């Protein structure tokens, strides 16, 4: 998986901070439901983001169901996965 930094996230973070809000997660996409929802790289990416922004952060996977309708699945990695990533073991 390749993470692409959205250039607008820095501006969004500034606006959110001024409004007293904070980042609560990140969104990734998959073509269809069940296509390797979270592989090892995705778990480590999620752990990195949770370590950076707090354990409350959520990974939201957007995809399409069998009928082509949009669907979402929310995930959080474990504290163990966060510790592995933090300690450079992931």
PDB file of N, CA and C in Angstrom:
ATOM      1  N   UNK A   1       0.842  -1.172   0.000  1.00  0.00           N
ATOM      2  CA  UNK A   1       0.000   0.000   0.000  1.00  0.00           C
ATOM      3  C   UNK A   1       0.888   1.235   0.000  1.00  0.00           C
ATOM      4  N   UNK A   2       0.488   2.223  -0.745  1.00  0.00           N
ATOM      5  CA  UNK A   2       1.209   3.486  -0.780  1.00  0.00           C
ATOM      6  C   UNK A   2       0.329   4.567  -0.174  1.00  0.00           C
ATOM      7  N   UNK A   3       0.821   5.205   0.879  1.00  0.00           N
ATOM      8  CA  UNK A   3       0.094   6.317   1.466  1.00  0.00           C
ATOM      9  C   UNK A   3       0.393   7.573   0.668  1.00  0.00           C
ATOM     10  N   UNK A   4      -0.637   8.277   0.287  1.00  0.00           N
ATOM     11  CA  UNK A   4      -0.483   9.523  -0.439  1.00  0.00           C
ATOM     12  C   UNK A   4      -0.913  10.648   0.491  1.00  0.00           C
ATOM     13  N   UNK A   5       0.002  11.543   0.784  1.00  0.00           N
ATOM     14  CA  UNK A   5      -0.311  12.664   1.669  1.00  0.00           C
ATOM     15  C   UNK A   5      -1.179  13.659   0.921  1.00  0.00           C
ATOM     16  N   UNK A   6      -2.318  13.927   1.493  1.00  0.00           N
ATOM     17  CA  UNK A   6      -3.230  14.909   0.923  1.00  0.00           C
ATOM     18  C   UNK A   6      -2.733  16.286   1.350  1.00  0.00           C
ATOM     19  N   UNK A   7      -2.384  17.123   0.416  1.00  0.00           N
ATOM     20  CA  UNK A   7      -1.837  18.437   0.716  1.00  0.00           C
ATOM     21  C   UNK A   7      -2.758  19.322   1.532  1.00  0.00           C
ATOM     22  N   UNK A   8      -4.033  19.001   1.573  1.00  0.00           N
ATOM     23  CA  UNK A   8      -4.970  19.832   2.321  1.00  0.00           C
ATOM     24  C   UNK A   8      -5.058  19.446   3.791  1.00  0.00           C
ATOM     25  N   UNK A   9      -4.429  18.340   4.196  1.00  0.00           N
ATOM     26  CA  UNK A   9      -4.557  17.926   5.592  1.00  0.00           C
ATOM     27  C   UNK A   9      -3.900  18.908   6.547  1.00  0.00           C
ATOM     28  N   UNK A  10      -2.807  19.538   6.137  1.00  0.00           N
ATOM     29  CA  UNK A  10      -2.163  20.518   7.013  1.00  0.00           C
ATOM     30  C   UNK A  10      -3.087  21.708   7.262  1.00  0.00           C
ATOM     31  N   UNK A  11      -3.740  22.184   6.215  1.00  0.00           N
ATOM     32  CA  UNK A  11      -4.679  23.299   6.342  1.00  0.00           C
ATOM     33  C   UNK A  11      -5.878  22.865   7.185  1.00  0.00           C
ATOM     34  N   UNK A  12      -6.363  21.655   6.949  1.00  0.00           N
ATOM     35  CA  UNK A  12      -7.499  21.148   7.726  1.00  0.00           C
ATOM     36  C   UNK A  12      -7.144  21.051   9.205  1.00  0.00           C
ATOM     37  N   UNK A  13      -5.926  20.611   9.509  1.00  0.00           N
ATOM     38  CA  UNK A  13      -5.498  20.527  10.910  1.00  0.00           C
ATOM     39  C   UNK A  13      -5.450  21.906  11.564  1.00  0.00           C
ATOM     40  N   UNK A  14      -4.962  22.914  10.843  1.00  0.00           N
ATOM     41  CA  UNK A  14      -4.911  24.271  11.383  1.00  0.00           C
ATOM     42  C   UNK A  14      -6.322  24.782  11.671  1.00  0.00           C
ATOM     43  N   UNK A  15      -7.223  24.596  10.720  1.00  0.00           N
ATOM     44  CA  UNK A  15      -8.606  25.045  10.912  1.00  0.00           C
ATOM     45  C   UNK A  15      -9.244  24.303  12.081  1.00  0.00           C
ATOM     46  N   UNK A  16      -9.051  22.996  12.137  1.00  0.00           N
ATOM     47  CA  UNK A  16      -9.620  22.202  13.225  1.00  0.00           C
ATOM     48  C   UNK A  16      -9.090  22.674  14.574  1.00  0.00           C
ATOM     49  N   UNK A  17      -7.780  22.909  14.658  1.00  0.00           N
ATOM     50  CA  UNK A  17      -7.192  23.378  15.919  1.00  0.00           C
ATOM     51  C   UNK A  17      -7.777  24.714  16.349  1.00  0.00           C
ATOM     52  N   UNK A  18      -7.981  25.605  15.394  1.00  0.00           N
ATOM     53  CA  UNK A  18      -8.566  26.913  15.726  1.00  0.00           C
ATOM     54  C   UNK A  18     -10.001  26.791  16.216  1.00  0.00           C
ATOM     55  N   UNK A  19     -10.672  25.729  15.790  1.00  0.00           N
ATOM     56  CA  UNK A  19     -12.051  25.485  16.221  1.00  0.00           C
ATOM     57  C   UNK A  19     -12.113  24.597  17.466  1.00  0.00           C
ATOM     58  N   UNK A  20     -10.944  24.247  17.995  1.00  0.00           N
ATOM     59  CA  UNK A  20     -10.906  23.391  19.177  1.00  0.00           C
ATOM     60  C   UNK A  20     -11.146  21.927  18.867  1.00  0.00           C
ATOM     61  N   UNK A  21     -10.957  21.550  17.602  1.00  0.00           N
ATOM     62  CA  UNK A  21     -11.162  20.163  17.184  1.00  0.00           C
ATOM     63  C   UNK A  21      -9.814  19.500  16.937  1.00  0.00           C
ATOM     64  N   UNK A  22      -9.826  18.189  16.799  1.00  0.00           N
ATOM     65  CA  UNK A  22      -8.590  17.467  16.512  1.00  0.00           C
ATOM     66  C   UNK A  22      -8.867  16.306  15.566  1.00  0.00           C
ATOM     67  N   UNK A  23      -7.810  15.818  14.984  1.00  0.00           N
ATOM     68  CA  UNK A  23      -7.911  14.696  14.062  1.00  0.00           C
ATOM     69  C   UNK A  23      -8.338  13.452  14.840  1.00  0.00           C
ATOM     70  N   UNK A  24      -9.254  12.690  14.268  1.00  0.00           N
ATOM     71  CA  UNK A  24      -9.724  11.480  14.936  1.00  0.00           C
ATOM     72  C   UNK A  24      -9.476  10.217  14.116  1.00  0.00           C
ATOM     73  N   UNK A  25      -8.775  10.337  13.012  1.00  0.00           N
ATOM     74  CA  UNK A  25      -8.480   9.147  12.230  1.00  0.00           C
ATOM     75  C   UNK A  25      -8.067   9.463  10.816  1.00  0.00           C
ATOM     76  N   UNK A  26      -8.095   8.426  10.011  1.00  0.00           N
ATOM     77  CA  UNK A  26      -7.722   8.549   8.613  1.00  0.00           C
ATOM     78  C   UNK A  26      -8.603   7.624   7.792  1.00  0.00           C
ATOM     79  N   UNK A  27      -8.690   7.910   6.517  1.00  0.00           N
ATOM     80  CA  UNK A  27      -9.533   7.133   5.610  1.00  0.00           C
ATOM     81  C   UNK A  27      -8.644   6.532   4.527  1.00  0.00           C
ATOM     82  N   UNK A  28      -8.878   5.262   4.252  1.00  0.00           N
ATOM     83  CA  UNK A  28      -8.211   4.593   3.148  1.00  0.00           C
ATOM     84  C   UNK A  28      -9.293   3.927   2.304  1.00  0.00           C
ATOM     85  N   UNK A  29      -8.985   3.585   1.087  1.00  0.00           N
ATOM     86  CA  UNK A  29      -9.991   3.004   0.192  1.00  0.00           C
ATOM     87  C   UNK A  29      -9.544   1.649  -0.317  1.00  0.00           C
ATOM     88  N   UNK A  30     -10.523   0.839  -0.651  1.00  0.00           N
ATOM     89  CA  UNK A  30     -10.328  -0.455  -1.289  1.00  0.00           C
ATOM     90  C   UNK A  30     -11.375  -0.557  -2.387  1.00  0.00           C
ATOM     91  N   UNK A  31     -11.064  -1.243  -3.487  1.00  0.00           N
ATOM     92  CA  UNK A  31     -12.059  -1.344  -4.562  1.00  0.00           C
ATOM     93  C   UNK A  31     -13.346  -2.041  -4.128  1.00  0.00           C
ATOM     94  N   UNK A  32     -13.245  -3.142  -3.374  1.00  0.00           N
ATOM     95  CA  UNK A  32     -14.428  -3.894  -2.965  1.00  0.00           C
ATOM     96  C   UNK A  32     -14.266  -4.392  -1.541  1.00  0.00           C
ATOM     97  N   UNK A  33     -15.377  -4.624  -0.862  1.00  0.00           N
ATOM     98  CA  UNK A  33     -15.378  -5.146   0.507  1.00  0.00           C
ATOM     99  C   UNK A  33     -14.625  -6.470   0.547  1.00  0.00           C
ATOM    100  N   UNK A  34     -13.860  -6.661   1.598  1.00  0.00           N
ATOM    101  CA  UNK A  34     -13.174  -7.933   1.804  1.00  0.00           C
ATOM    102  C   UNK A  34     -11.865  -8.078   1.074  1.00  0.00           C
ATOM    103  N   UNK A  35     -11.477  -7.093   0.281  1.00  0.00           N
ATOM    104  CA  UNK A  35     -10.201  -7.183  -0.421  1.00  0.00           C
ATOM    105  C   UNK A  35      -9.086  -6.797   0.531  1.00  0.00           C
ATOM    106  N   UNK A  36      -8.728  -7.743   1.390  1.00  0.00           N
ATOM    107  CA  UNK A  36      -7.640  -7.559   2.345  1.00  0.00           C
ATOM    108  C   UNK A  36      -7.852  -6.276   3.140  1.00  0.00           C
ATOM    109  N   UNK A  37      -8.904  -6.268   3.945  1.00  0.00           N
ATOM    110  CA  UNK A  37      -9.264  -5.069   4.702  1.00  0.00           C
ATOM    111  C   UNK A  37      -8.063  -4.427   5.384  1.00  0.00           C
ATOM    112  N   UNK A  38      -7.363  -5.163   6.218  1.00  0.00           N
ATOM    113  CA  UNK A  38      -6.153  -4.640   6.849  1.00  0.00           C
ATOM    114  C   UNK A  38      -5.048  -5.680   6.718  1.00  0.00           C
ATOM    115  N   UNK A  39      -4.096  -5.414   5.852  1.00  0.00           N
ATOM    116  CA  UNK A  39      -2.933  -6.283   5.757  1.00  0.00           C
ATOM    117  C   UNK A  39      -1.890  -5.791   6.754  1.00  0.00           C
ATOM    118  N   UNK A  40      -0.749  -6.458   6.825  1.00  0.00           N
ATOM    119  CA  UNK A  40       0.273  -6.107   7.817  1.00  0.00           C
ATOM    120  C   UNK A  40       0.730  -4.655   7.671  1.00  0.00           C
ATOM    121  N   UNK A  41       0.919  -4.199   6.440  1.00  0.00           N
ATOM    122  CA  UNK A  41       1.360  -2.817   6.220  1.00  0.00           C
ATOM    123  C   UNK A  41       0.290  -1.835   6.702  1.00  0.00           C
ATOM    124  N   UNK A  42      -0.980  -2.150   6.455  1.00  0.00           N
ATOM    125  CA  UNK A  42      -2.070  -1.272   6.902  1.00  0.00           C
ATOM    126  C   UNK A  42      -2.153  -1.220   8.419  1.00  0.00           C
ATOM    127  N   UNK A  43      -1.895  -2.349   9.072  1.00  0.00           N
ATOM    128  CA  UNK A  43      -1.902  -2.374  10.541  1.00  0.00           C
ATOM    129  C   UNK A  43      -0.797  -1.466  11.070  1.00  0.00           C
ATOM    130  N   UNK A  44       0.390  -1.539  10.475  1.00  0.00           N
ATOM    131  CA  UNK A  44       1.498  -0.703  10.938  1.00  0.00           C
ATOM    132  C   UNK A  44       1.241   0.773  10.632  1.00  0.00           C
ATOM    133  N   UNK A  45       0.620   1.064   9.481  1.00  0.00           N
ATOM    134  CA  UNK A  45       0.251   2.452   9.171  1.00  0.00           C
ATOM    135  C   UNK A  45      -0.759   2.971  10.192  1.00  0.00           C
ATOM    136  N   UNK A  46      -1.762   2.152  10.502  1.00  0.00           N
ATOM    137  CA  UNK A  46      -2.766   2.541  11.486  1.00  0.00           C
ATOM    138  C   UNK A  46      -2.121   2.740  12.857  1.00  0.00           C
ATOM    139  N   UNK A  47      -1.195   1.848  13.221  1.00  0.00           N
ATOM    140  CA  UNK A  47      -0.500   1.970  14.507  1.00  0.00           C
ATOM    141  C   UNK A  47       0.310   3.257  14.562  1.00  0.00           C
ATOM    142  N   UNK A  48       0.972   3.603  13.458  1.00  0.00           N
ATOM    143  CA  UNK A  48       1.757   4.847  13.416  1.00  0.00           C
ATOM    144  C   UNK A  48       0.855   6.060  13.625  1.00  0.00           C
ATOM    145  N   UNK A  49      -0.291   6.063  12.967  1.00  0.00           N
ATOM    146  CA  UNK A  49      -1.215   7.184  13.088  1.00  0.00           C
ATOM    147  C   UNK A  49      -1.803   7.243  14.495  1.00  0.00           C
ATOM    148  N   UNK A  50      -2.148   6.076  15.065  1.00  0.00           N
ATOM    149  CA  UNK A  50      -2.669   6.063  16.429  1.00  0.00           C
ATOM    150  C   UNK A  50      -1.606   6.524  17.418  1.00  0.00           C
ATOM    151  N   UNK A  51      -0.347   6.146  17.195  1.00  0.00           N
ATOM    152  CA  UNK A  51       0.736   6.606  18.066  1.00  0.00           C
ATOM    153  C   UNK A  51       0.922   8.116  17.959  1.00  0.00           C
ATOM    154  N   UNK A  52       0.763   8.641  16.749  1.00  0.00           N
ATOM    155  CA  UNK A  52       0.979  10.068  16.531  1.00  0.00           C
ATOM    156  C   UNK A  52      -0.157  10.920  17.097  1.00  0.00           C
ATOM    157  N   UNK A  53      -1.403  10.485  16.894  1.00  0.00           N
ATOM    158  CA  UNK A  53      -2.558  11.314  17.250  1.00  0.00           C
ATOM    159  C   UNK A  53      -3.323  10.827  18.467  1.00  0.00           C
ATOM    160  N   UNK A  54      -2.982   9.657  18.980  1.00  0.00           N
ATOM    161  CA  UNK A  54      -3.658   9.136  20.168  1.00  0.00           C
ATOM    162  C   UNK A  54      -4.409   7.860  19.873  1.00  0.00           C
ATOM    163  N   UNK A  55      -4.549   7.052  20.906  1.00  0.00           N
ATOM    164  CA  UNK A  55      -5.186   5.751  20.760  1.00  0.00           C
ATOM    165  C   UNK A  55      -6.634   5.797  20.336  1.00  0.00           C
ATOM    166  N   UNK A  56      -7.248   6.967  20.402  1.00  0.00           N
ATOM    167  CA  UNK A  56      -8.645   7.118  19.986  1.00  0.00           C
ATOM    168  C   UNK A  56      -8.792   7.130  18.466  1.00  0.00           C
ATOM    169  N   UNK A  57      -7.699   7.327  17.743  1.00  0.00           N
ATOM    170  CA  UNK A  57      -7.777   7.444  16.280  1.00  0.00           C
ATOM    171  C   UNK A  57      -8.322   6.170  15.647  1.00  0.00           C
ATOM    172  N   UNK A  58      -9.055   6.356  14.592  1.00  0.00           N
ATOM    173  CA  UNK A  58      -9.721   5.254  13.910  1.00  0.00           C
ATOM    174  C   UNK A  58      -9.299   5.197  12.453  1.00  0.00           C
ATOM    175  N   UNK A  59      -9.168   3.985  11.939  1.00  0.00           N
ATOM    176  CA  UNK A  59      -8.936   3.761  10.518  1.00  0.00           C
ATOM    177  C   UNK A  59     -10.283   3.453   9.883  1.00  0.00           C
ATOM    178  N   UNK A  60     -10.646   4.209   8.880  1.00  0.00           N
ATOM    179  CA  UNK A  60     -11.911   4.008   8.184  1.00  0.00           C
ATOM    180  C   UNK A  60     -11.609   3.541   6.772  1.00  0.00           C
ATOM    181  N   UNK A  61     -12.115   2.369   6.428  1.00  0.00           N
ATOM    182  CA  UNK A  61     -11.911   1.824   5.082  1.00  0.00           C
ATOM    183  C   UNK A  61     -13.197   2.023   4.292  1.00  0.00           C
ATOM    184  N   UNK A  62     -13.079   2.727   3.183  1.00  0.00           N
ATOM    185  CA  UNK A  62     -14.213   2.961   2.295  1.00  0.00           C
ATOM    186  C   UNK A  62     -14.061   2.025   1.096  1.00  0.00           C
ATOM    187  N   UNK A  63     -15.141   1.339   0.756  1.00  0.00           N
ATOM    188  CA  UNK A  63     -15.124   0.425  -0.387  1.00  0.00           C
ATOM    189  C   UNK A  63     -16.546   0.322  -0.944  1.00  0.00           C
ATOM    190  N   UNK A  64     -16.724  -0.631  -1.852  1.00  0.00           N
ATOM    191  CA  UNK A  64     -18.056  -0.875  -2.420  1.00  0.00           C
ATOM    192  C   UNK A  64     -18.479  -2.295  -2.070  1.00  0.00           C
ATOM    193  N   UNK A  65     -19.786  -2.482  -1.836  1.00  0.00           N
ATOM    194  CA  UNK A  65     -20.271  -3.832  -1.582  1.00  0.00           C
ATOM    195  C   UNK A  65     -20.528  -4.542  -2.908  1.00  0.00           C
ATOM    196  N   UNK A  66     -21.086  -5.736  -2.823  1.00  0.00           N
ATOM    197  CA  UNK A  66     -21.314  -6.540  -4.032  1.00  0.00           C
ATOM    198  C   UNK A  66     -22.239  -5.862  -5.037  1.00  0.00           C
ATOM    199  N   UNK A  67     -23.105  -4.968  -4.541  1.00  0.00           N
ATOM    200  CA  UNK A  67     -24.037  -4.238  -5.417  1.00  0.00           C
ATOM    201  C   UNK A  67     -23.453  -2.939  -5.943  1.00  0.00           C
ATOM    202  N   UNK A  68     -22.239  -2.599  -5.497  1.00  0.00           N
ATOM    203  CA  UNK A  68     -21.608  -1.367  -5.944  1.00  0.00           C
ATOM    204  C   UNK A  68     -21.883  -0.166  -5.056  1.00  0.00           C
ATOM    205  N   UNK A  69     -22.632  -0.369  -3.974  1.00  0.00           N
ATOM    206  CA  UNK A  69     -22.935   0.733  -3.064  1.00  0.00           C
ATOM    207  C   UNK A  69     -21.767   0.975  -2.116  1.00  0.00           C
ATOM    208  N   UNK A  70     -21.527   2.237  -1.767  1.00  0.00           N
ATOM    209  CA  UNK A  70     -20.430   2.549  -0.846  1.00  0.00           C
ATOM    210  C   UNK A  70     -20.677   1.950   0.532  1.00  0.00           C
ATOM    211  N   UNK A  71     -19.603   1.499   1.146  1.00  0.00           N
ATOM    212  CA  UNK A  71     -19.681   0.966   2.498  1.00  0.00           C
ATOM    213  C   UNK A  71     -18.429   1.370   3.269  1.00  0.00           C
ATOM    214  N   UNK A  72     -18.536   1.416   4.565  1.00  0.00           N
ATOM    215  CA  UNK A  72     -17.395   1.767   5.399  1.00  0.00           C
ATOM    216  C   UNK A  72     -17.206   0.727   6.494  1.00  0.00           C
ATOM    217  N   UNK A  73     -15.957   0.531   6.874  1.00  0.00           N
ATOM    218  CA  UNK A  73     -15.603  -0.336   7.981  1.00  0.00           C
ATOM    219  C   UNK A  73     -14.595   0.413   8.833  1.00  0.00           C
ATOM    220  N   UNK A  74     -14.825   0.459  10.144  1.00  0.00           N
ATOM    221  CA  UNK A  74     -13.924   1.166  11.055  1.00  0.00           C
ATOM    222  C   UNK A  74     -13.077   0.171  11.828  1.00  0.00           C
ATOM    223  N   UNK A  75     -11.801   0.531  12.031  1.00  0.00           N
ATOM    224  CA  UNK A  75     -10.860  -0.327  12.741  1.00  0.00           C
ATOM    225  C   UNK A  75     -10.037   0.508  13.700  1.00  0.00           C
ATOM    226  N   UNK A  76      -9.557  -0.143  14.737  1.00  0.00           N
ATOM    227  CA  UNK A  76      -8.501   0.387  15.582  1.00  0.00           C
ATOM    228  C   UNK A  76      -7.544  -0.772  15.846  1.00  0.00           C
ATOM    229  N   UNK A  77      -6.244  -0.489  15.824  1.00  0.00           N
ATOM    230  CA  UNK A  77      -5.287  -1.544  16.136  1.00  0.00           C
ATOM    231  C   UNK A  77      -5.109  -1.622  17.641  1.00  0.00           C
ATOM    232  N   UNK A  78      -4.556  -2.725  18.092  1.00  0.00           N
ATOM    233  CA  UNK A  78      -4.378  -2.959  19.522  1.00  0.00           C
ATOM    234  C   UNK A  78      -3.215  -2.140  20.077  1.00  0.00           C
ATOM    235  N   UNK A  79      -3.173  -2.046  21.397  1.00  0.00           N
ATOM    236  CA  UNK A  79      -2.047  -1.382  22.057  1.00  0.00           C
ATOM    237  C   UNK A  79      -0.751  -2.129  21.770  1.00  0.00           C
ATOM    238  N   UNK A  80      -0.844  -3.448  21.591  1.00  0.00           N
ATOM    239  CA  UNK A  80       0.343  -4.239  21.259  1.00  0.00           C
ATOM    240  C   UNK A  80       0.882  -3.839  19.882  1.00  0.00           C
ATOM    241  N   UNK A  81       0.004  -3.671  18.908  1.00  0.00           N
ATOM    242  CA  UNK A  81       0.442  -3.239  17.570  1.00  0.00           C
ATOM    243  C   UNK A  81       1.043  -1.836  17.640  1.00  0.00           C
ATOM    244  N   UNK A  82       0.448  -0.964  18.450  1.00  0.00           N
ATOM    245  CA  UNK A  82       1.007   0.384  18.617  1.00  0.00           C
ATOM    246  C   UNK A  82       2.408   0.323  19.217  1.00  0.00           C
ATOM    247  N   UNK A  83       2.592  -0.551  20.210  1.00  0.00           N
ATOM    248  CA  UNK A  83       3.899  -0.683  20.852  1.00  0.00           C
ATOM    249  C   UNK A  83       4.927  -1.249  19.888  1.00  0.00           C
ATOM    250  N   UNK A  84       4.543  -2.237  19.090  1.00  0.00           N
ATOM    251  CA  UNK A  84       5.462  -2.801  18.105  1.00  0.00           C
ATOM    252  C   UNK A  84       5.914  -1.754  17.102  1.00  0.00           C
ATOM    253  N   UNK A  85       4.971  -0.959  16.618  1.00  0.00           N
ATOM    254  CA  UNK A  85       5.320   0.090  15.654  1.00  0.00           C
ATOM    255  C   UNK A  85       6.189   1.137  16.300  1.00  0.00           C
ATOM    256  N   UNK A  86       5.822   1.575  17.493  1.00  0.00           N
ATOM    257  CA  UNK A  86       6.578   2.595  18.223  1.00  0.00           C
ATOM    258  C   UNK A  86       8.017   2.161  18.473  1.00  0.00           C
ATOM    259  N   UNK A  87       8.203   0.869  18.768  1.00  0.00           N
ATOM    260  CA  UNK A  87       9.533   0.350  19.071  1.00  0.00           C
ATOM    261  C   UNK A  87      10.296  -0.098  17.835  1.00  0.00           C
ATOM    262  N   UNK A  88       9.740   0.177  16.638  1.00  0.00           N
ATOM    263  CA  UNK A  88      10.431  -0.136  15.393  1.00  0.00           C
ATOM    264  C   UNK A  88      10.471  -1.607  15.046  1.00  0.00           C
ATOM    265  N   UNK A  89       9.516  -2.372  15.534  1.00  0.00           N
ATOM    266  CA  UNK A  89       9.524  -3.818  15.297  1.00  0.00           C
ATOM    267  C   UNK A  89       8.500  -4.246  14.256  1.00  0.00           C
ATOM    268  N   UNK A  90       7.856  -3.262  13.618  1.00  0.00           N
ATOM    269  CA  UNK A  90       6.796  -3.595  12.671  1.00  0.00           C
ATOM    270  C   UNK A  90       7.228  -3.519  11.253  1.00  0.00           C
TER     271      UNK A  90
END
